[in-house]
Amino acid sequence: MLEKIKTPKDVKKISLNNLPKLATEMRAALLNRVSKIGGHVGPNFGSVEATIALHYVFNCPIDKIIYDVSHQCYSHKLLTGRAYGFLNDKDFCKISGYTDPSESEYDMFNIGHTSTSISLAIGVAKARDLQRQKYNVIAFIGDGSLSGGEALEGLNACNELHSNFIIVLNDNDMCISENHGGLYNHLAELRESKGTAKNNIFKAFGYDYLYVDNGNNIKDLVIAFKKAKKATRPIVVHIKTTKGKGLKFAEQNKETWHFKMPFNPKTGKLLNSISNAYPPIITEYLLNKAKYDPKVLVVSAATPGSFGLFEKQRKQLGKQYIDVGIAEETAAAVCSGCAKNGGKPIWPVPASFINRTYDQISQDICLNKSPVAVIVNTSGIYGFKDKTHLGIFDIPFLSSIPNLSYIAPTTKQEFLKAVDYAIDQNEKPVFIKTPGYVIEGKKCIKDFSKIKYEVNQKGKKVAFIGLGIFYPLAKQAAKLYKQKTGITPTLINPYFVTDLDVKTLNSLKKDHSIVVTIEDGILQSGFGSNIASHFGSSNIKVFNYGYKKEFIDRFNIEVILKENHITPQQIVKDILE
């Protein structure tokens, strides 16, 4: 059945009674893909029926469906001509894990971050109305995403529309981990009353409201969506679903099966054990630190699992842990408030998500010099590989903000020392760039309170400065340079991303003609460009190595490094030519 569906029109040809069979086939296709290459399991398995019903009732691509965060878009892709990316192993790489207009006319936006669908859809609906067109606009959003500030702002703004505007709230009573906050107590009240509770936030905002108690029942969904299709004003269709529906492992352990790396589809066991990664190291450190220091507060913006903070570990932290939901802006402000009042907040956050908080980091944290400790994870080339989740923009982003230090350790020992310093100092915000993979090193005695680069090899003519995870690469390039020239170059581990060790840099002017910088981030306004600006009109020539400013997608690390000349052989060849 699924293989015959090329467009949503083919879904409409199937009888309503046969659509559950289609759902079964779709789950088999989903399992085929995610078990072999990984992906967002729970959200997609739980939204199969809703997706079928949407395409059964609405007329896409004329009608527009905007998926929040894209964690629920796999079924949509199956029904819009992209089933091959789930059925054929050789075609997996052709299909993104997120909505992507370059793939299909059925995708309107590249979306990978949460809480955006309602606001995007308002703009789409407003443009429709200005052009006096008639079609439906649907924002499809999960309950976890609803806590984000932009989602709530969108709920408020869309009351200005006086035309058809549909919000499908897929409520599975889960974010990535459990939901937190008063909003979710309210959603529970609506679920328990089957949508009849007198207290109703959506009606308070001015919406019409429909509730579907079994959001995994296609017939019930079709009835609700047909009513919404005829609406002449904004309406919320609140559907109760089961996260991970149809996959035993995902239903039983919803948190750990939100996203999964490749696994055995029969047992659920991971095919490859994940090692050489920082989450368990971060978790162990946080638990120990909190145990001996009651002022420590671990802050999460709905991503505790990405740092190994699962239910057991969160219970150990107790009151020393707070999850603000998918609201990174709030996380930043909470950290500032806690630090200003004598607490020791530490916020582990993925690099791509911290990009959402420029204003809060700048105004709430840095302007107030709040001593907040932030662990920036999955930054650089070794983080996420989808263009919606890139972590290669962290250095220019944070470098532009005064009053903070951004530290880039190389080894596990340096990392833990830097985190310890960040938490215990009380002078300024300190951010730590988590290395891309674990390198064991010697005991770190570095004093991070002093802006001083570590000169590990004093030489002449050429100085190699390798930042963070790229220090070993700089070391390799220095060794190769000596082999080819017989000249011992200088080798520096700078540690500090945003702060310049002016004294060490100026000392290079005496007997060096070339400085080489290597960083795990984009070049424009990055670490290397700051070094180059320092040397300005001096006689020193500066070679900067990093990445081009672009959105790269589903990339091979080795290919990207070679394209940007970030190999020892290419670097040495460049400076010798």
Protein backbone atom coordinates (compact mmCIF):
# COMPACT_ATOMS: atom_id res chain seq x y z
CA MET A 1 0.00 0.00 0.00
CA LEU A 2 2.70 2.47 1.02
CA GLU A 3 4.81 1.89 -2.09
CA LYS A 4 1.87 2.98 -4.27
CA ILE A 5 1.56 6.36 -2.54
CA LYS A 6 3.39 8.99 -4.57
CA THR A 7 1.41 12.05 -3.44
CA PRO A 8 -1.20 12.78 -0.74
CA LYS A 9 -3.88 12.37 -3.43
CA ASP A 10 -3.17 8.63 -3.28
CA VAL A 11 -4.00 8.64 0.44
CA LYS A 12 -7.47 9.97 -0.35
CA LYS A 13 -8.09 6.95 -2.61
CA ILE A 14 -7.79 4.54 0.33
CA SER A 15 -10.96 3.76 2.26
CA LEU A 16 -11.17 5.08 5.79
CA ASN A 17 -11.33 1.52 7.14
CA ASN A 18 -8.07 0.60 5.41
CA LEU A 19 -6.06 3.56 6.66
CA PRO A 20 -4.96 1.71 9.87
CA LYS A 21 -3.25 -0.83 7.58
CA LEU A 22 -1.39 2.04 5.98
CA ALA A 23 -0.32 3.19 9.46
CA THR A 24 1.12 -0.27 10.15
CA GLU A 25 3.12 -0.19 6.92
CA MET A 26 4.37 3.29 7.70
CA ARG A 27 5.63 2.24 11.11
CA ALA A 28 7.50 -0.65 9.49
CA ALA A 29 9.14 1.82 7.09
CA LEU A 30 10.02 4.15 9.96
CA LEU A 31 11.56 1.27 11.87
CA ASN A 32 13.59 0.23 8.83
CA ARG A 33 15.23 3.64 8.65
CA VAL A 34 15.70 4.65 12.28
CA SER A 35 16.98 1.23 13.37
CA LYS A 36 19.76 1.44 10.76
CA ILE A 37 20.81 5.11 10.83
CA GLY A 38 19.14 6.47 13.96
CA GLY A 39 16.65 9.29 14.28
CA HIS A 40 13.76 10.73 16.26
CA VAL A 41 11.86 7.58 17.11
CA GLY A 42 9.21 8.41 19.72
CA PRO A 43 7.76 11.61 18.19
CA ASN A 44 7.42 10.09 14.74
CA PHE A 45 5.91 6.77 15.81
CA GLY A 46 3.36 8.65 17.87
CA SER A 47 2.17 10.94 15.09
CA VAL A 48 1.58 8.45 12.25
CA GLU A 49 -2.22 8.50 12.44
CA ALA A 50 -2.38 12.28 12.75
CA THR A 51 -0.27 12.66 9.62
CA ILE A 52 -2.44 10.25 7.65
CA ALA A 53 -5.59 12.08 8.75
CA LEU A 54 -4.12 15.48 7.82
CA HIS A 55 -3.31 14.36 4.29
CA TYR A 56 -6.66 12.55 4.00
CA VAL A 57 -8.59 15.73 4.84
CA PHE A 58 -6.45 18.59 3.54
CA ASN A 59 -5.20 19.34 0.04
CA CYS A 60 -1.43 19.73 0.22
CA PRO A 61 0.66 21.41 -1.06
CA ILE A 62 -2.06 24.03 -1.66
CA ASP A 63 -2.95 23.72 2.01
CA LYS A 64 0.18 24.34 4.09
CA ILE A 65 1.36 22.17 7.00
CA ILE A 66 4.19 23.66 9.08
CA TYR A 67 5.78 21.13 11.42
CA ASP A 68 7.32 22.41 14.62
CA VAL A 69 10.94 21.26 15.15
CA SER A 70 10.44 18.55 12.45
CA HIS A 71 10.64 15.71 14.97
CA GLN A 72 7.25 14.55 13.69
CA CYS A 73 7.77 14.92 9.95
CA TYR A 74 8.90 11.41 8.93
CA SER A 75 5.36 10.19 8.25
CA HIS A 76 4.72 13.36 6.26
CA LYS A 77 7.69 12.51 4.07
CA LEU A 78 6.43 8.96 3.58
CA LEU A 79 3.17 10.32 2.12
CA THR A 80 4.72 13.04 -0.03
CA GLY A 81 6.81 11.05 -2.47
CA ARG A 82 9.79 10.30 -0.26
CA ALA A 83 9.06 6.77 0.93
CA TYR A 84 12.17 5.57 -0.92
CA GLY A 85 14.25 7.30 1.76
CA PHE A 86 12.77 4.94 4.33
CA LEU A 87 12.35 1.74 2.33
CA ASN A 88 15.66 1.56 0.46
CA ASP A 89 18.88 1.52 2.47
CA LYS A 90 20.86 3.13 -0.36
CA ASP A 91 18.52 6.12 -0.35
CA PHE A 92 18.59 6.93 3.36
CA CYS A 93 21.13 9.70 2.89
CA LYS A 94 18.94 11.41 0.29
CA ILE A 95 16.31 12.35 2.87
CA SER A 96 16.89 14.82 5.68
CA GLY A 97 15.64 14.14 9.17
CA TYR A 98 13.93 17.53 9.09
CA THR A 99 11.59 19.34 6.73
CA ASP A 100 13.48 20.74 3.75
CA PRO A 101 12.00 22.72 0.81
CA SER A 102 14.86 21.57 -1.42
CA GLU A 103 13.51 18.02 -1.09
CA SER A 104 9.86 18.64 -1.79
CA GLU A 105 7.20 21.25 -2.49
CA TYR A 106 5.33 19.78 0.49
CA ASP A 107 7.92 21.25 2.87
CA MET A 108 7.70 25.01 3.25
CA PHE A 109 10.59 25.63 5.69
CA ASN A 110 13.86 24.20 6.95
CA ILE A 111 12.96 23.65 10.60
CA GLY A 112 15.02 22.02 13.34
CA HIS A 113 14.43 24.16 16.42
CA THR A 114 11.33 24.20 18.53
CA SER A 115 8.43 26.55 19.17
CA THR A 116 8.54 28.26 15.77
CA SER A 117 5.65 26.72 13.83
CA ILE A 118 2.83 28.93 15.09
CA SER A 119 4.65 32.19 14.37
CA LEU A 120 5.80 30.96 10.95
CA ALA A 121 2.29 29.85 10.13
CA ILE A 122 0.85 33.24 11.14
CA GLY A 123 3.08 34.85 8.54
CA VAL A 124 1.99 32.33 5.92
CA ALA A 125 -1.68 32.90 6.74
CA LYS A 126 -1.29 36.67 6.70
CA ALA A 127 0.34 36.56 3.24
CA ARG A 128 -2.50 34.33 2.07
CA ASP A 129 -5.10 36.81 3.31
CA LEU A 130 -3.31 39.80 1.80
CA GLN A 131 -3.41 38.08 -1.58
CA ARG A 132 -7.08 37.15 -1.09
CA GLN A 133 -6.38 33.47 -1.46
CA LYS A 134 -8.33 30.62 0.09
CA TYR A 135 -6.59 27.62 1.59
CA ASN A 136 -5.84 26.15 5.00
CA VAL A 137 -2.75 26.86 7.09
CA ILE A 138 -1.89 24.29 9.76
CA ALA A 139 0.75 24.59 12.48
CA PHE A 140 1.56 21.13 13.85
CA ILE A 141 3.19 21.45 17.28
CA GLY A 142 3.95 19.10 20.17
CA ASP A 143 3.16 19.83 23.80
CA GLY A 144 6.87 20.01 24.63
CA SER A 145 7.39 22.80 22.12
CA LEU A 146 4.43 24.74 23.45
CA SER A 147 6.40 25.92 26.51
CA GLY A 148 8.82 27.88 24.34
CA GLY A 149 8.44 31.63 24.46
CA GLU A 150 7.98 31.98 20.71
CA ALA A 151 5.14 29.45 20.77
CA LEU A 152 3.32 31.40 23.47
CA GLU A 153 4.01 34.66 21.64
CA GLY A 154 2.53 33.08 18.53
CA LEU A 155 -0.57 31.98 20.43
CA ASN A 156 -1.05 35.56 21.46
CA ALA A 157 -0.40 37.10 18.06
CA CYS A 158 -2.63 34.91 15.98
CA ASN A 159 -5.73 36.36 17.61
CA GLU A 160 -5.16 39.18 15.12
CA LEU A 161 -6.11 36.82 12.29
CA HIS A 162 -9.75 36.69 11.27
CA SER A 163 -9.54 33.76 8.90
CA ASN A 164 -8.86 30.04 8.90
CA PHE A 165 -5.83 29.18 11.01
CA ILE A 166 -5.41 25.74 12.52
CA ILE A 167 -3.12 24.66 15.33
CA VAL A 168 -2.84 20.91 15.81
CA LEU A 169 -1.49 20.34 19.31
CA ASN A 170 -0.01 16.85 19.47
CA ASP A 171 -0.10 16.20 23.21
CA ASN A 172 1.75 13.05 24.29
CA ASP A 173 2.48 14.36 27.80
CA MET A 174 6.21 14.39 27.09
CA CYS A 175 8.86 16.80 26.02
CA ILE A 176 12.20 15.08 25.33
CA SER A 177 12.07 14.09 28.97
CA GLU A 178 9.07 14.75 31.21
CA ASN A 179 7.29 18.08 30.94
CA HIS A 180 7.78 20.74 33.62
CA GLY A 181 5.74 23.77 34.56
CA GLY A 182 2.24 25.05 35.14
CA LEU A 183 1.25 24.84 31.47
CA TYR A 184 1.51 21.06 31.63
CA ASN A 185 -0.63 20.80 34.72
CA HIS A 186 -3.21 22.67 32.68
CA LEU A 187 -2.87 20.37 29.66
CA ALA A 188 -3.30 17.41 32.02
CA GLU A 189 -6.53 19.00 33.28
CA LEU A 190 -7.77 19.30 29.69
CA ARG A 191 -6.85 15.67 28.93
CA GLU A 192 -8.48 14.36 32.11
CA SER A 193 -11.69 16.28 31.40
CA LYS A 194 -11.56 15.27 27.72
CA GLY A 195 -11.33 18.89 26.74
CA THR A 196 -14.29 20.07 28.79
CA ALA A 197 -12.44 21.79 31.65
CA LYS A 198 -13.76 25.26 32.33
CA ASN A 199 -10.21 26.55 32.54
CA ASN A 200 -8.90 26.54 28.97
CA ILE A 201 -5.85 28.58 27.91
CA PHE A 202 -6.71 28.33 24.24
CA LYS A 203 -10.20 29.69 24.67
CA ALA A 204 -8.73 32.41 26.86
CA PHE A 205 -6.51 33.41 23.94
CA GLY A 206 -9.62 33.59 21.75
CA TYR A 207 -9.41 30.28 19.88
CA ASP A 208 -12.13 27.86 18.99
CA TYR A 209 -11.23 24.49 20.46
CA LEU A 210 -11.65 20.81 19.58
CA TYR A 211 -10.38 17.88 21.64
CA VAL A 212 -9.61 14.37 20.34
CA ASP A 213 -9.14 11.93 23.19
CA ASN A 214 -7.59 9.21 21.04
CA GLY A 215 -5.17 10.96 18.75
CA ASN A 216 -4.04 7.62 17.37
CA ASN A 217 -7.51 6.87 16.00
CA ILE A 218 -7.69 7.94 12.36
CA LYS A 219 -11.49 8.15 12.16
CA ASP A 220 -11.72 10.46 15.17
CA LEU A 221 -8.96 12.63 13.75
CA VAL A 222 -10.61 12.87 10.34
CA ILE A 223 -13.86 14.07 11.92
CA ALA A 224 -12.02 16.76 13.90
CA PHE A 225 -9.87 17.91 10.98
CA LYS A 226 -12.91 18.20 8.70
CA LYS A 227 -14.51 20.54 11.24
CA ALA A 228 -11.31 22.58 11.53
CA LYS A 229 -11.05 22.80 7.76
CA LYS A 230 -14.32 24.74 7.65
CA ALA A 231 -13.35 27.16 10.44
CA THR A 232 -13.36 30.85 9.59
CA ARG A 233 -11.24 31.91 12.55
CA PRO A 234 -8.26 30.47 14.50
CA ILE A 235 -8.91 27.05 16.01
CA VAL A 236 -6.90 24.59 18.14
CA VAL A 237 -7.32 20.86 17.60
CA HIS A 238 -5.92 19.26 20.74
CA ILE A 239 -5.08 15.59 20.18
CA LYS A 240 -3.96 13.15 22.84
CA THR A 241 -1.40 10.68 21.47
CA THR A 242 1.06 8.07 22.72
CA LYS A 243 4.72 8.86 22.17
CA GLY A 244 6.44 5.93 20.49
CA LYS A 245 3.09 4.34 19.55
CA GLY A 246 3.54 0.87 18.03
CA LEU A 247 7.13 0.30 19.15
CA LYS A 248 7.31 -1.47 22.49
CA PHE A 249 10.66 -0.03 23.58
CA ALA A 250 9.61 3.52 22.76
CA GLU A 251 6.27 3.25 24.55
CA GLN A 252 7.85 1.81 27.69
CA ASN A 253 10.75 4.28 27.91
CA LYS A 254 9.64 7.44 26.21
CA GLU A 255 12.58 9.61 27.25
CA THR A 256 15.46 7.46 26.03
CA TRP A 257 13.59 6.64 22.84
CA HIS A 258 12.93 10.24 21.84
CA PHE A 259 16.04 9.95 19.70
CA LYS A 260 18.07 6.80 19.16
CA MET A 261 21.25 5.84 17.38
CA PRO A 262 21.12 2.64 15.24
CA PHE A 263 19.64 -0.29 17.14
CA ASN A 264 18.46 -3.87 16.82
CA PRO A 265 14.78 -3.58 15.83
CA LYS A 266 13.90 -6.78 17.71
CA THR A 267 15.68 -6.11 21.00
CA GLY A 268 16.17 -2.35 21.00
CA LYS A 269 19.85 -2.80 21.83
CA LEU A 270 22.21 -0.23 20.32
CA LEU A 271 24.28 -1.62 17.47
CA ASN A 272 27.30 0.42 18.44
CA SER A 273 28.15 1.41 21.97
CA ILE A 274 28.83 5.11 22.31
CA SER A 275 32.22 5.75 23.83
CA ASN A 276 34.76 8.53 23.82
CA ALA A 277 32.05 11.08 24.55
CA TYR A 278 31.59 13.72 27.23
CA PRO A 279 27.98 13.27 28.52
CA PRO A 280 28.84 10.61 31.15
CA ILE A 281 31.87 12.67 32.23
CA ILE A 282 29.72 15.78 32.60
CA THR A 283 27.07 13.86 34.56
CA GLU A 284 29.57 12.34 36.98
CA TYR A 285 31.13 15.74 37.58
CA LEU A 286 27.80 17.49 38.17
CA LEU A 287 26.60 14.85 40.63
CA ASN A 288 29.81 15.05 42.65
CA LYS A 289 29.94 18.84 42.58
CA ALA A 290 26.35 19.19 43.73
CA LYS A 291 26.85 16.62 46.47
CA TYR A 292 29.57 18.65 48.15
CA ASP A 293 28.35 22.16 47.32
CA PRO A 294 24.69 22.94 48.18
CA LYS A 295 24.84 26.20 46.22
CA VAL A 296 25.23 24.37 42.88
CA LEU A 297 22.16 24.45 40.62
CA VAL A 298 22.07 22.43 37.40
CA VAL A 299 19.84 24.10 34.82
CA SER A 300 18.38 22.34 31.78
CA ALA A 301 16.29 23.61 28.89
CA ALA A 302 14.60 20.27 28.19
CA THR A 303 17.78 18.51 27.03
CA PRO A 304 19.03 16.66 30.14
CA GLY A 305 19.47 13.37 28.29
CA SER A 306 22.01 14.87 25.91
CA PHE A 307 24.27 15.25 28.95
CA GLY A 308 23.48 11.90 30.52
CA LEU A 309 21.13 13.42 33.11
CA PHE A 310 18.41 10.79 33.02
CA GLU A 311 15.65 10.26 35.58
CA LYS A 312 17.90 8.50 38.10
CA GLN A 313 20.53 11.24 37.97
CA ARG A 314 17.94 14.02 38.16
CA LYS A 315 16.48 12.46 41.30
CA GLN A 316 19.97 12.43 42.82
CA LEU A 317 20.26 16.16 42.19
CA GLY A 318 16.85 16.80 43.72
CA LYS A 319 16.28 20.50 44.42
CA GLN A 320 19.64 21.26 42.86
CA TYR A 321 18.15 20.64 39.41
CA ILE A 322 15.63 22.67 37.44
CA ASP A 323 14.24 22.06 33.95
CA VAL A 324 12.65 25.16 32.43
CA GLY A 325 11.31 23.33 29.37
CA ILE A 326 12.20 24.22 25.80
CA ALA A 327 13.01 27.79 26.72
CA GLU A 328 16.73 28.52 26.44
CA GLU A 329 16.07 32.22 26.95
CA THR A 330 14.50 31.50 30.33
CA ALA A 331 17.37 29.15 31.22
CA ALA A 332 19.86 31.97 30.64
CA ALA A 333 17.87 34.42 32.77
CA VAL A 334 17.34 31.87 35.57
CA CYS A 335 21.10 31.29 35.65
CA SER A 336 21.75 35.01 35.92
CA GLY A 337 19.26 35.43 38.74
CA CYS A 338 20.64 32.46 40.64
CA ALA A 339 24.24 33.67 40.29
CA LYS A 340 23.37 37.22 41.36
CA ASN A 341 21.81 35.89 44.53
CA GLY A 342 24.72 33.75 45.66
CA GLY A 343 23.97 30.48 43.85
CA LYS A 344 26.29 28.60 41.53
CA PRO A 345 24.32 27.83 38.37
CA ILE A 346 25.74 25.60 35.69
CA TRP A 347 23.93 25.26 32.39
CA PRO A 348 24.88 22.44 30.00
CA VAL A 349 23.47 23.34 26.58
CA PRO A 350 23.99 22.15 22.98
CA ALA A 351 25.79 24.71 20.84
CA SER A 352 23.05 25.00 18.22
CA PHE A 353 20.45 25.82 20.89
CA ILE A 354 22.51 28.46 22.62
CA ASN A 355 22.30 30.46 19.38
CA ARG A 356 18.72 31.31 20.39
CA THR A 357 19.78 33.28 23.45
CA TYR A 358 21.95 36.14 22.24
CA ASP A 359 19.89 38.82 23.94
CA GLN A 360 19.63 36.99 27.27
CA ILE A 361 23.33 36.13 27.36
CA SER A 362 24.26 39.68 26.40
CA GLN A 363 21.79 41.59 28.56
CA ASP A 364 20.77 39.33 31.45
CA ILE A 365 24.09 37.59 32.02
CA CYS A 366 27.02 39.56 30.63
CA LEU A 367 25.86 43.14 31.12
CA ASN A 368 25.24 42.22 34.75
CA LYS A 369 28.50 40.25 35.03
CA SER A 370 26.61 37.34 36.56
CA PRO A 371 29.09 34.51 37.29
CA VAL A 372 27.24 31.84 35.33
CA ALA A 373 28.96 28.62 34.20
CA VAL A 374 27.86 27.34 30.81
CA ILE A 375 28.99 24.06 29.24
CA VAL A 376 28.62 24.37 25.46
CA ASN A 377 28.28 20.86 24.06
CA THR A 378 28.19 19.52 20.48
CA SER A 379 30.02 22.59 19.22
CA GLY A 380 32.16 22.48 16.09
CA ILE A 381 32.43 19.86 13.39
CA TYR A 382 32.08 16.92 15.78
CA GLY A 383 28.58 17.89 16.89
CA PHE A 384 25.29 17.50 15.02
CA LYS A 385 25.55 17.17 11.25
CA ASP A 386 22.20 18.56 10.09
CA LYS A 387 22.12 22.12 8.81
CA THR A 388 19.41 22.98 11.33
CA HIS A 389 21.61 21.93 14.25
CA LEU A 390 25.08 23.15 13.35
CA GLY A 391 27.37 24.03 16.23
CA ILE A 392 30.07 25.80 14.21
CA PHE A 393 28.90 29.37 14.91
CA ASP A 394 29.58 29.46 18.64
CA ILE A 395 32.92 31.28 18.54
CA PRO A 396 31.85 34.41 16.59
CA PHE A 397 28.55 34.42 18.49
CA LEU A 398 30.10 34.52 21.94
CA SER A 399 33.18 36.51 20.93
CA SER A 400 30.98 39.50 20.10
CA ILE A 401 29.69 39.82 23.68
CA PRO A 402 31.68 41.72 26.35
CA ASN A 403 32.33 40.54 29.91
CA LEU A 404 32.55 36.81 29.27
CA SER A 405 35.34 34.30 28.89
CA TYR A 406 35.04 31.35 26.52
CA ILE A 407 37.49 28.56 27.29
CA ALA A 408 38.39 25.78 24.85
CA PRO A 409 40.09 22.86 26.61
CA THR A 410 41.72 20.02 24.69
CA THR A 411 41.79 17.12 27.16
CA LYS A 412 39.39 15.65 29.68
CA GLN A 413 41.57 16.92 32.51
CA GLU A 414 41.63 20.46 31.10
CA PHE A 415 37.88 20.36 30.59
CA LEU A 416 37.09 19.36 34.18
CA LYS A 417 39.53 21.94 35.54
CA ALA A 418 37.89 24.65 33.41
CA VAL A 419 34.38 23.67 34.55
CA ASP A 420 35.48 23.70 38.16
CA TYR A 421 36.96 27.16 37.73
CA ALA A 422 33.83 28.43 35.99
CA ILE A 423 31.56 27.32 38.83
CA ASP A 424 33.68 28.46 41.76
CA GLN A 425 34.78 31.89 40.49
CA ASN A 426 32.46 34.85 41.09
CA GLU A 427 33.75 37.54 38.75
CA LYS A 428 32.17 36.94 35.34
CA PRO A 429 30.28 34.51 33.09
CA VAL A 430 32.49 31.65 31.92
CA PHE A 431 31.60 29.41 28.98
CA ILE A 432 33.42 26.14 28.27
CA LYS A 433 33.62 24.69 24.78
CA THR A 434 33.31 20.93 25.19
CA PRO A 435 35.94 19.13 23.07
CA GLY A 436 34.52 17.11 20.20
CA TYR A 437 35.79 13.84 21.64
CA VAL A 438 37.59 12.69 24.77
CA ILE A 439 41.37 12.94 24.87
CA GLU A 440 43.07 11.79 28.05
CA GLY A 441 45.88 14.05 29.19
CA LYS A 442 48.11 14.83 32.13
CA LYS A 443 46.87 16.48 35.31
CA CYS A 444 45.86 20.06 34.55
CA ILE A 445 47.37 22.73 36.80
CA LYS A 446 46.29 25.62 34.59
CA ASP A 447 45.09 28.75 36.38
CA PHE A 448 42.17 29.88 34.21
CA SER A 449 41.79 33.11 36.14
CA LYS A 450 44.85 34.40 34.28
CA ILE A 451 44.68 35.04 30.54
CA LYS A 452 47.83 33.25 29.54
CA TYR A 453 48.44 30.92 26.59
CA GLU A 454 50.43 27.74 27.13
CA VAL A 455 53.60 27.70 25.01
CA ASN A 456 54.43 23.99 24.85
CA GLN A 457 57.26 24.34 22.36
CA LYS A 458 59.35 27.46 21.88
CA GLY A 459 60.75 27.79 18.38
CA LYS A 460 61.16 30.38 15.69
CA LYS A 461 59.87 31.56 12.32
CA VAL A 462 56.47 29.80 12.49
CA ALA A 463 54.03 29.61 15.42
CA PHE A 464 51.19 27.06 15.37
CA ILE A 465 48.21 27.98 17.60
CA GLY A 466 45.68 25.15 17.86
CA LEU A 467 42.46 25.91 19.72
CA GLY A 468 40.73 23.25 21.78
CA ILE A 469 40.16 19.97 19.98
CA PHE A 470 42.41 21.18 17.15
CA TYR A 471 45.49 21.54 19.33
CA PRO A 472 46.61 17.96 18.48
CA LEU A 473 46.25 18.83 14.79
CA ALA A 474 48.45 21.89 15.30
CA LYS A 475 50.95 19.64 17.05
CA GLN A 476 50.99 17.29 14.06
CA ALA A 477 51.45 20.21 11.66
CA ALA A 478 54.34 21.55 13.76
CA LYS A 479 56.04 18.15 13.70
CA LEU A 480 55.61 17.87 9.94
CA TYR A 481 56.94 21.38 9.42
CA LYS A 482 60.10 20.54 11.36
CA GLN A 483 60.57 17.36 9.33
CA LYS A 484 60.37 19.26 6.08
CA THR A 485 62.41 22.34 7.05
CA GLY A 486 64.60 21.32 9.96
CA ILE A 487 63.29 24.37 11.83
CA THR A 488 61.59 23.94 15.22
CA PRO A 489 58.38 26.00 15.24
CA THR A 490 56.53 27.39 18.24
CA LEU A 491 53.50 25.42 19.44
CA ILE A 492 50.78 27.07 21.51
CA ASN A 493 47.65 25.86 23.28
CA PRO A 494 45.75 29.14 23.75
CA TYR A 495 42.83 27.82 25.85
CA PHE A 496 41.01 31.16 25.67
CA VAL A 497 38.68 31.75 22.74
CA THR A 498 37.53 35.28 23.50
CA ASP A 499 40.51 36.67 25.42
CA LEU A 500 43.89 37.51 23.86
CA ASP A 501 47.16 36.88 25.64
CA VAL A 502 48.71 40.05 24.27
CA LYS A 503 52.06 39.48 25.95
CA THR A 504 52.58 36.06 24.37
CA LEU A 505 51.38 37.23 20.96
CA ASN A 506 53.65 40.26 21.00
CA SER A 507 56.64 38.08 21.91
CA LEU A 508 56.21 36.28 18.58
CA LYS A 509 57.06 39.48 16.67
CA LYS A 510 60.73 39.15 17.60
CA ASP A 511 61.62 35.98 15.71
CA HIS A 512 58.51 34.81 13.86
CA SER A 513 57.27 35.70 10.40
CA ILE A 514 54.25 33.37 10.24
CA VAL A 515 51.45 32.58 12.71
CA VAL A 516 49.02 29.73 11.99
CA THR A 517 45.67 29.50 13.81
CA ILE A 518 43.40 26.44 13.69
CA GLU A 519 39.92 26.48 15.18
CA ASP A 520 36.84 24.28 15.22
CA GLY A 521 34.42 26.91 13.96
CA ILE A 522 33.76 29.33 11.10
CA LEU A 523 36.56 31.71 10.21
CA GLN A 524 34.61 34.93 9.85
CA SER A 525 34.80 36.89 13.13
CA GLY A 526 36.30 33.83 14.77
CA PHE A 527 39.33 33.15 16.96
CA GLY A 528 41.82 33.35 14.11
CA SER A 529 40.45 36.62 12.79
CA ASN A 530 40.96 38.17 16.24
CA ILE A 531 44.57 36.99 16.21
CA ALA A 532 45.05 38.37 12.68
CA SER A 533 43.58 41.72 13.73
CA HIS A 534 45.99 41.88 16.64
CA PHE A 535 49.01 41.57 14.36
CA GLY A 536 47.46 44.10 11.96
CA SER A 537 50.14 45.91 9.94
CA SER A 538 53.07 44.06 11.55
CA ASN A 539 55.41 41.97 9.46
CA ILE A 540 53.81 38.74 10.65
CA LYS A 541 51.74 36.86 8.10
CA VAL A 542 48.75 35.06 9.59
CA PHE A 543 47.20 31.89 8.19
CA ASN A 544 43.71 31.16 9.58
CA TYR A 545 42.18 27.70 9.35
CA GLY A 546 38.56 27.00 10.10
CA TYR A 547 35.34 26.61 8.12
CA LYS A 548 33.63 28.69 5.48
CA LYS A 549 30.54 30.57 6.60
CA GLU A 550 27.83 28.32 5.21
CA PHE A 551 25.10 25.90 6.19
CA ILE A 552 26.49 22.42 5.66
CA ASP A 553 24.22 19.41 5.80
CA ARG A 554 24.71 15.70 6.52
CA PHE A 555 28.40 16.06 5.93
CA ASN A 556 31.41 13.81 6.20
CA ILE A 557 33.88 15.27 8.69
CA GLU A 558 36.97 14.25 6.76
CA VAL A 559 35.60 15.81 3.57
CA ILE A 560 34.87 19.12 5.33
CA LEU A 561 38.33 19.22 6.89
CA LYS A 562 39.99 18.64 3.51
CA GLU A 563 37.77 21.17 1.75
CA ASN A 564 38.92 23.78 4.25
CA HIS A 565 42.58 22.69 4.16
CA ILE A 566 42.46 21.57 7.79
CA THR A 567 44.96 18.71 7.59
CA PRO A 568 48.63 18.83 8.68
CA GLN A 569 49.80 18.17 5.13
CA GLN A 570 47.67 20.93 3.60
CA ILE A 571 48.56 23.45 6.28
CA VAL A 572 52.30 22.91 5.95
CA LYS A 573 52.08 22.98 2.17
CA ASP A 574 50.21 26.31 2.31
CA ILE A 575 52.77 28.04 4.50
CA LEU A 576 55.73 26.73 2.51
CA GLU A 577 54.40 27.90 -0.83
